[in-house]
Protein backbone atom coordinates (compact mmCIF):
# COMPACT_ATOMS: atom_id res chain seq x y z
CA MET A 1 -19.69 -11.34 -6.78
CA PRO A 2 -18.43 -12.50 -3.45
CA PRO A 3 -19.54 -11.02 -0.19
CA ILE A 4 -17.72 -7.78 0.86
CA LEU A 5 -17.54 -6.71 4.37
CA MET A 6 -15.99 -3.50 5.61
CA TYR A 7 -15.41 -2.34 9.23
CA THR A 8 -15.67 1.54 9.24
CA THR A 9 -16.29 4.63 11.26
CA PRO A 10 -18.49 7.51 10.00
CA THR A 11 -15.65 10.12 10.12
CA CYS A 12 -12.92 8.10 8.46
CA GLY A 13 -11.77 9.73 5.06
CA TYR A 14 -10.12 6.43 4.18
CA CYS A 15 -13.50 4.53 4.77
CA MET A 16 -15.24 6.98 2.51
CA ALA A 17 -12.54 6.48 -0.23
CA ALA A 18 -12.83 2.73 0.05
CA LYS A 19 -16.69 2.98 -0.17
CA ARG A 20 -16.35 5.22 -3.19
CA LEU A 21 -13.95 2.75 -4.94
CA LEU A 22 -16.16 -0.26 -4.38
CA THR A 23 -19.17 1.54 -5.34
CA ALA A 24 -17.55 2.73 -8.60
CA LYS A 25 -16.78 -0.97 -9.35
CA GLY A 26 -20.49 -1.67 -8.91
CA ALA A 27 -19.88 -3.74 -5.74
CA ASP A 28 -22.28 -4.16 -2.97
CA PHE A 29 -20.78 -4.26 0.48
CA GLN A 30 -21.87 -4.78 4.19
CA GLU A 31 -20.65 -2.12 6.46
CA ILE A 32 -19.97 -2.48 10.22
CA ASN A 33 -19.77 0.79 11.91
CA VAL A 34 -17.39 0.00 14.87
CA ALA A 35 -18.11 3.42 16.42
CA ALA A 36 -21.82 2.64 16.69
CA GLU A 37 -21.20 -1.00 17.66
CA PRO A 38 -17.99 -0.86 19.74
CA GLY A 39 -18.23 -4.44 20.50
CA ARG A 40 -17.49 -5.29 16.87
CA ARG A 41 -14.12 -3.55 17.05
CA ALA A 42 -12.63 -6.61 18.90
CA GLU A 43 -14.07 -8.87 16.21
CA MET A 44 -12.41 -6.73 13.45
CA VAL A 45 -8.95 -6.66 15.30
CA GLN A 46 -9.17 -10.55 15.68
CA ARG A 47 -10.32 -11.04 11.96
CA ALA A 48 -7.67 -8.55 10.73
CA ALA A 49 -4.70 -10.24 12.43
CA GLY A 50 -4.39 -7.28 15.04
CA ARG A 51 -4.87 -4.46 12.73
CA ARG A 52 -6.83 -1.74 14.66
CA THR A 53 -7.42 1.04 12.05
CA VAL A 54 -10.35 1.34 9.71
CA PRO A 55 -11.31 0.42 7.23
CA GLN A 56 -10.62 -3.20 7.41
CA ILE A 57 -11.91 -4.84 4.26
CA PHE A 58 -12.81 -8.47 3.52
CA ILE A 59 -13.80 -9.82 -0.05
CA GLY A 60 -15.05 -13.38 0.10
CA GLY A 61 -13.72 -13.85 3.52
CA ARG A 62 -10.23 -12.94 2.49
CA HIS A 63 -8.70 -9.96 4.30
CA ILE A 64 -7.60 -7.31 1.99
CA GLY A 65 -6.63 -4.71 4.49
CA GLY A 66 -7.30 -1.08 4.45
CA PHE A 67 -7.94 1.46 1.75
CA ASP A 68 -4.32 1.65 0.76
CA ASP A 69 -4.27 -2.06 0.28
CA LEU A 70 -7.44 -2.10 -1.60
CA ASN A 71 -6.27 0.62 -3.93
CA ALA A 72 -2.94 -1.04 -4.48
CA LEU A 73 -4.83 -4.35 -5.44
CA ASP A 74 -7.01 -2.22 -7.88
CA ARG A 75 -3.94 -0.53 -9.40
CA ALA A 76 -2.16 -3.86 -9.87
CA GLY A 77 -5.17 -5.30 -11.72
CA GLY A 78 -6.18 -7.68 -8.94
CA LEU A 79 -9.31 -6.20 -7.52
CA ASP A 80 -11.51 -6.74 -10.80
CA PRO A 81 -10.90 -10.59 -11.03
CA LEU A 82 -11.34 -10.91 -7.16
CA LEU A 83 -14.76 -9.12 -7.49
CA ALA A 84 -15.73 -11.35 -10.48
CA ALA A 85 -14.62 -14.42 -8.68
CA GLY A 86 -17.84 -14.66 -6.67
């Protein structure tokens, strides 16, 4: 499985939904809490091409986007192959 990195905040419902979806897929992920590490928010914005909302999800270095993007990828059948490609 490729490495998964997710920028989050503790009170974000979309972050929790993304974590639930990835956990249900059996995926391990690294989480960066940008509320606890404010300096990492600038890193997130740069890596996510200017997107400032959380979550921002990266799978194998590829920017997926937020929860809606992750969910759409799953519904289209693209998430499982991406997770298996690692």
